[in-house]
Amino acid sequence: MRRSLRSFLRLWRAWRNRLAVRNLAEFDDRTLKDIGLTRSDVDGALAEPLFRDPSIALALKVHDQQAAARRLAADGLRTVAVSRPQQRPATGRCRAGAPAACAS
């Protein structure tokens, strides 16, 4: 009995969340971008089978995007931390017609 009740509640929750995701489909692209989604994210979530909760698919998508952004930020910080500024050659070494890097 409990198993069937849990299954029913899961299906009811999935249906209720599907209606909420359908409301997201009515948003314009700019609003979706503000909350970290694209039109294809919403359409993909609604394409899930009826017994699956589309809001979970959207939450996983946003989580993956945020994790990727954090990895890129961390990589960028590491790159900046180890990068060194370019050194200009000594002024005595530059000749006429040399690249602009020699100009002081």
N, C-alpha and C. Protein backbone atom coordinates (compact mmCIF):
# COMPACT_ATOMS: atom_id res chain seq x y z
N MET A 1 0.82 -1.19 0.00
CA MET A 1 0.00 0.00 0.00
C MET A 1 0.87 1.26 0.00
N ARG A 2 1.89 1.27 0.86
CA ARG A 2 2.75 2.44 0.93
C ARG A 2 3.49 2.66 -0.38
N ARG A 3 3.89 1.58 -1.00
CA ARG A 3 4.61 1.70 -2.26
C ARG A 3 3.74 2.33 -3.34
N SER A 4 2.51 1.92 -3.42
CA SER A 4 1.60 2.49 -4.41
C SER A 4 1.29 3.96 -4.09
N LEU A 5 1.19 4.28 -2.80
CA LEU A 5 0.96 5.66 -2.41
C LEU A 5 2.17 6.53 -2.81
N ARG A 6 3.37 6.03 -2.55
CA ARG A 6 4.58 6.77 -2.94
C ARG A 6 4.65 6.95 -4.45
N SER A 7 4.30 5.92 -5.19
CA SER A 7 4.30 6.01 -6.66
C SER A 7 3.29 7.05 -7.13
N PHE A 8 2.11 7.03 -6.53
CA PHE A 8 1.09 8.00 -6.89
C PHE A 8 1.57 9.43 -6.59
N LEU A 9 2.15 9.62 -5.41
CA LEU A 9 2.63 10.95 -5.03
C LEU A 9 3.76 11.42 -5.96
N ARG A 10 4.62 10.50 -6.36
CA ARG A 10 5.70 10.85 -7.28
C ARG A 10 5.13 11.28 -8.63
N LEU A 11 4.14 10.54 -9.13
CA LEU A 11 3.50 10.91 -10.39
C LEU A 11 2.76 12.24 -10.29
N TRP A 12 2.08 12.47 -9.17
CA TRP A 12 1.36 13.72 -8.97
C TRP A 12 2.34 14.90 -8.92
N ARG A 13 3.47 14.71 -8.22
CA ARG A 13 4.48 15.76 -8.13
C ARG A 13 5.09 16.04 -9.50
N ALA A 14 5.34 14.98 -10.26
CA ALA A 14 5.89 15.16 -11.61
C ALA A 14 4.91 15.93 -12.49
N TRP A 15 3.64 15.62 -12.39
CA TRP A 15 2.63 16.32 -13.19
C TRP A 15 2.52 17.79 -12.78
N ARG A 16 2.53 18.04 -11.48
CA ARG A 16 2.45 19.42 -10.98
C ARG A 16 3.67 20.23 -11.44
N ASN A 17 4.86 19.62 -11.36
CA ASN A 17 6.07 20.30 -11.81
C ASN A 17 6.11 20.47 -13.32
N ARG A 18 5.50 19.55 -14.04
CA ARG A 18 5.41 19.68 -15.50
C ARG A 18 4.60 20.93 -15.86
N LEU A 19 3.53 21.18 -15.10
CA LEU A 19 2.74 22.38 -15.34
C LEU A 19 3.58 23.65 -15.08
N ALA A 20 4.41 23.60 -14.06
CA ALA A 20 5.27 24.75 -13.75
C ALA A 20 6.30 24.96 -14.87
N VAL A 21 6.84 23.89 -15.40
CA VAL A 21 7.82 24.00 -16.49
C VAL A 21 7.12 24.51 -17.76
N ARG A 22 5.88 24.11 -17.96
CA ARG A 22 5.12 24.66 -19.10
C ARG A 22 4.97 26.17 -18.97
N ASN A 23 4.81 26.65 -17.75
CA ASN A 23 4.77 28.10 -17.54
C ASN A 23 6.10 28.75 -17.92
N LEU A 24 7.20 28.06 -17.64
CA LEU A 24 8.52 28.57 -18.05
C LEU A 24 8.61 28.68 -19.57
N ALA A 25 7.95 27.77 -20.28
CA ALA A 25 8.00 27.79 -21.74
C ALA A 25 7.35 29.05 -22.30
N GLU A 26 6.52 29.71 -21.51
CA GLU A 26 5.87 30.94 -21.96
C GLU A 26 6.76 32.17 -21.77
N PHE A 27 7.86 32.03 -21.02
CA PHE A 27 8.78 33.15 -20.81
C PHE A 27 9.52 33.46 -22.10
N ASP A 28 9.94 34.71 -22.26
CA ASP A 28 10.76 35.05 -23.42
C ASP A 28 12.21 34.60 -23.17
N ASP A 29 12.99 34.57 -24.24
CA ASP A 29 14.36 34.05 -24.16
C ASP A 29 15.23 34.85 -23.18
N ARG A 30 15.01 36.13 -23.11
CA ARG A 30 15.81 36.96 -22.21
C ARG A 30 15.54 36.60 -20.75
N THR A 31 14.28 36.39 -20.40
CA THR A 31 13.93 36.01 -19.04
C THR A 31 14.50 34.64 -18.70
N LEU A 32 14.41 33.72 -19.64
CA LEU A 32 14.99 32.40 -19.41
C LEU A 32 16.50 32.50 -19.19
N LYS A 33 17.15 33.35 -19.96
CA LYS A 33 18.60 33.52 -19.80
C LYS A 33 18.92 34.07 -18.42
N ASP A 34 18.07 34.97 -17.92
CA ASP A 34 18.29 35.54 -16.58
C ASP A 34 18.28 34.48 -15.49
N ILE A 35 17.50 33.43 -15.68
CA ILE A 35 17.46 32.36 -14.67
C ILE A 35 18.35 31.19 -15.05
N GLY A 36 19.18 31.37 -16.08
CA GLY A 36 20.18 30.36 -16.42
C GLY A 36 19.69 29.24 -17.31
N LEU A 37 18.62 29.48 -18.05
CA LEU A 37 18.06 28.45 -18.93
C LEU A 37 17.97 28.97 -20.36
N THR A 38 17.83 28.04 -21.27
CA THR A 38 17.57 28.38 -22.67
C THR A 38 16.23 27.75 -23.06
N ARG A 39 15.74 28.16 -24.19
CA ARG A 39 14.49 27.59 -24.70
C ARG A 39 14.64 26.08 -24.90
N SER A 40 15.80 25.66 -25.41
CA SER A 40 16.01 24.23 -25.65
C SER A 40 16.08 23.45 -24.34
N ASP A 41 16.56 24.07 -23.26
CA ASP A 41 16.55 23.40 -21.96
C ASP A 41 15.12 23.09 -21.53
N VAL A 42 14.25 24.08 -21.66
CA VAL A 42 12.85 23.90 -21.26
C VAL A 42 12.16 22.89 -22.16
N ASP A 43 12.39 23.00 -23.48
CA ASP A 43 11.78 22.04 -24.41
C ASP A 43 12.28 20.63 -24.14
N GLY A 44 13.56 20.50 -23.84
CA GLY A 44 14.13 19.18 -23.53
C GLY A 44 13.53 18.59 -22.27
N ALA A 45 13.31 19.43 -21.26
CA ALA A 45 12.71 18.94 -20.02
C ALA A 45 11.27 18.49 -20.26
N LEU A 46 10.54 19.23 -21.09
CA LEU A 46 9.16 18.84 -21.38
C LEU A 46 9.08 17.61 -22.27
N ALA A 47 10.17 17.28 -22.94
CA ALA A 47 10.19 16.09 -23.78
C ALA A 47 10.42 14.81 -22.96
N GLU A 48 10.74 14.97 -21.70
CA GLU A 48 10.91 13.80 -20.83
C GLU A 48 9.59 13.02 -20.77
N PRO A 49 9.66 11.73 -20.51
CA PRO A 49 8.41 10.95 -20.37
C PRO A 49 7.53 11.52 -19.26
N LEU A 50 6.24 11.28 -19.37
CA LEU A 50 5.28 11.86 -18.44
C LEU A 50 5.51 11.45 -16.99
N PHE A 51 6.08 10.28 -16.77
CA PHE A 51 6.29 9.83 -15.39
C PHE A 51 7.56 10.42 -14.77
N ARG A 52 8.37 11.14 -15.57
CA ARG A 52 9.57 11.78 -15.04
C ARG A 52 9.29 13.24 -14.74
N ASP A 53 9.93 13.73 -13.70
CA ASP A 53 9.75 15.11 -13.28
C ASP A 53 10.66 16.02 -14.12
N PRO A 54 10.10 16.88 -14.96
CA PRO A 54 10.93 17.74 -15.81
C PRO A 54 11.72 18.78 -15.03
N SER A 55 11.26 19.13 -13.83
CA SER A 55 12.00 20.11 -13.04
C SER A 55 13.34 19.55 -12.57
N ILE A 56 13.41 18.24 -12.40
CA ILE A 56 14.69 17.63 -12.03
C ILE A 56 15.67 17.75 -13.18
N ALA A 57 15.20 17.54 -14.40
CA ALA A 57 16.08 17.68 -15.57
C ALA A 57 16.61 19.10 -15.67
N LEU A 58 15.76 20.10 -15.40
CA LEU A 58 16.20 21.49 -15.45
C LEU A 58 17.19 21.80 -14.32
N ALA A 59 16.92 21.29 -13.15
CA ALA A 59 17.81 21.53 -12.02
C ALA A 59 19.19 20.92 -12.28
N LEU A 60 19.22 19.74 -12.86
CA LEU A 60 20.51 19.11 -13.19
C LEU A 60 21.25 19.91 -14.26
N LYS A 61 20.52 20.43 -15.22
CA LYS A 61 21.13 21.24 -16.28
C LYS A 61 21.76 22.49 -15.69
N VAL A 62 21.04 23.19 -14.84
CA VAL A 62 21.57 24.41 -14.22
C VAL A 62 22.76 24.07 -13.33
N HIS A 63 22.67 22.98 -12.60
CA HIS A 63 23.79 22.57 -11.73
C HIS A 63 25.03 22.29 -12.56
N ASP A 64 24.87 21.58 -13.68
CA ASP A 64 26.01 21.28 -14.55
C ASP A 64 26.62 22.56 -15.11
N GLN A 65 25.78 23.52 -15.50
CA GLN A 65 26.28 24.78 -16.04
C GLN A 65 27.04 25.56 -14.97
N GLN A 66 26.54 25.57 -13.76
CA GLN A 66 27.21 26.29 -12.69
C GLN A 66 28.54 25.63 -12.33
N ALA A 67 28.56 24.30 -12.34
CA ALA A 67 29.81 23.59 -12.05
C ALA A 67 30.85 23.87 -13.13
N ALA A 68 30.42 23.91 -14.38
CA ALA A 68 31.34 24.21 -15.47
C ALA A 68 31.87 25.64 -15.35
N ALA A 69 31.02 26.57 -14.96
CA ALA A 69 31.45 27.96 -14.79
C ALA A 69 32.46 28.07 -13.65
N ARG A 70 32.23 27.31 -12.57
CA ARG A 70 33.18 27.34 -11.45
C ARG A 70 34.52 26.76 -11.87
N ARG A 71 34.49 25.67 -12.67
CA ARG A 71 35.76 25.08 -13.14
C ARG A 71 36.51 26.06 -14.03
N LEU A 72 35.79 26.74 -14.92
CA LEU A 72 36.44 27.72 -15.80
C LEU A 72 37.02 28.87 -14.98
N ALA A 73 36.29 29.32 -13.99
CA ALA A 73 36.79 30.42 -13.15
C ALA A 73 38.03 29.97 -12.38
N ALA A 74 38.00 28.75 -11.87
CA ALA A 74 39.16 28.25 -11.14
C ALA A 74 40.36 28.10 -12.07
N ASP A 75 40.14 27.60 -13.28
CA ASP A 75 41.23 27.48 -14.25
C ASP A 75 41.76 28.85 -14.62
N GLY A 76 40.88 29.82 -14.78
CA GLY A 76 41.30 31.18 -15.11
C GLY A 76 42.14 31.78 -14.00
N LEU A 77 41.74 31.52 -12.75
CA LEU A 77 42.51 32.04 -11.62
C LEU A 77 43.88 31.40 -11.56
N ARG A 78 43.95 30.11 -11.83
CA ARG A 78 45.25 29.44 -11.82
C ARG A 78 46.13 29.97 -12.93
N THR A 79 45.54 30.22 -14.10
CA THR A 79 46.30 30.73 -15.22
C THR A 79 46.84 32.12 -14.92
N VAL A 80 46.00 32.95 -14.34
CA VAL A 80 46.44 34.30 -14.00
C VAL A 80 47.52 34.25 -12.94
N ALA A 81 47.37 33.34 -11.99
CA ALA A 81 48.33 33.28 -10.89
C ALA A 81 49.72 32.88 -11.37
N VAL A 82 49.81 32.05 -12.41
CA VAL A 82 51.13 31.60 -12.86
C VAL A 82 51.63 32.38 -14.05
N SER A 83 50.81 33.22 -14.66
CA SER A 83 51.27 33.97 -15.82
C SER A 83 52.17 35.11 -15.38
N ARG A 84 53.12 35.43 -16.20
CA ARG A 84 54.04 36.52 -15.90
C ARG A 84 53.87 37.60 -16.95
N PRO A 85 54.04 38.85 -16.57
CA PRO A 85 53.93 39.91 -17.57
C PRO A 85 55.08 39.82 -18.57
N GLN A 86 54.78 40.24 -19.79
CA GLN A 86 55.83 40.22 -20.81
C GLN A 86 56.89 41.25 -20.44
N GLN A 87 58.12 40.87 -20.63
CA GLN A 87 59.20 41.80 -20.35
C GLN A 87 59.63 42.47 -21.64
N ARG A 88 59.85 43.75 -21.55
CA ARG A 88 60.35 44.50 -22.71
C ARG A 88 61.86 44.33 -22.78
N PRO A 89 62.37 44.28 -23.98
CA PRO A 89 63.83 44.20 -24.08
C PRO A 89 64.47 45.50 -23.58
N ALA A 90 65.70 45.39 -23.19
CA ALA A 90 66.41 46.57 -22.70
C ALA A 90 66.45 47.61 -23.80
N THR A 91 66.36 48.91 -23.43
CA THR A 91 66.27 49.97 -24.43
C THR A 91 67.50 50.05 -25.31
N GLY A 92 68.64 49.62 -24.83
CA GLY A 92 69.86 49.67 -25.64
C GLY A 92 69.83 48.66 -26.78
N ARG A 93 68.98 47.66 -26.73
CA ARG A 93 68.95 46.61 -27.74
C ARG A 93 68.03 46.93 -28.90
N CYS A 94 67.13 47.88 -28.76
CA CYS A 94 66.17 48.18 -29.82
C CYS A 94 66.87 48.96 -30.93
N ARG A 95 66.46 48.67 -32.15
CA ARG A 95 67.02 49.35 -33.32
C ARG A 95 65.91 50.10 -34.02
N ALA A 96 66.30 50.93 -34.92
CA ALA A 96 65.30 51.62 -35.75
C ALA A 96 64.55 50.60 -36.55
N GLY A 97 63.26 50.77 -36.67
CA GLY A 97 62.41 49.81 -37.42
C GLY A 97 62.06 48.59 -36.59
N ALA A 98 62.38 48.56 -35.32
CA ALA A 98 62.05 47.43 -34.47
C ALA A 98 60.56 47.45 -34.14
N PRO A 99 60.00 46.32 -33.72
CA PRO A 99 58.58 46.28 -33.37
C PRO A 99 58.23 47.27 -32.28
N ALA A 100 56.94 47.53 -32.17
CA ALA A 100 56.45 48.50 -31.19
C ALA A 100 56.78 48.08 -29.76
N ALA A 101 57.04 46.81 -29.51
CA ALA A 101 57.35 46.35 -28.17
C ALA A 101 58.64 46.99 -27.66
N CYS A 102 59.51 47.42 -28.56
CA CYS A 102 60.77 48.01 -28.14
C CYS A 102 60.59 49.47 -27.75
N ALA A 103 59.53 50.10 -28.19
CA ALA A 103 59.33 51.51 -27.88
C ALA A 103 59.07 51.67 -26.40
N SER A 104 59.69 52.68 -25.81
CA SER A 104 59.46 52.89 -24.39
C SER A 104 58.65 54.11 -24.12
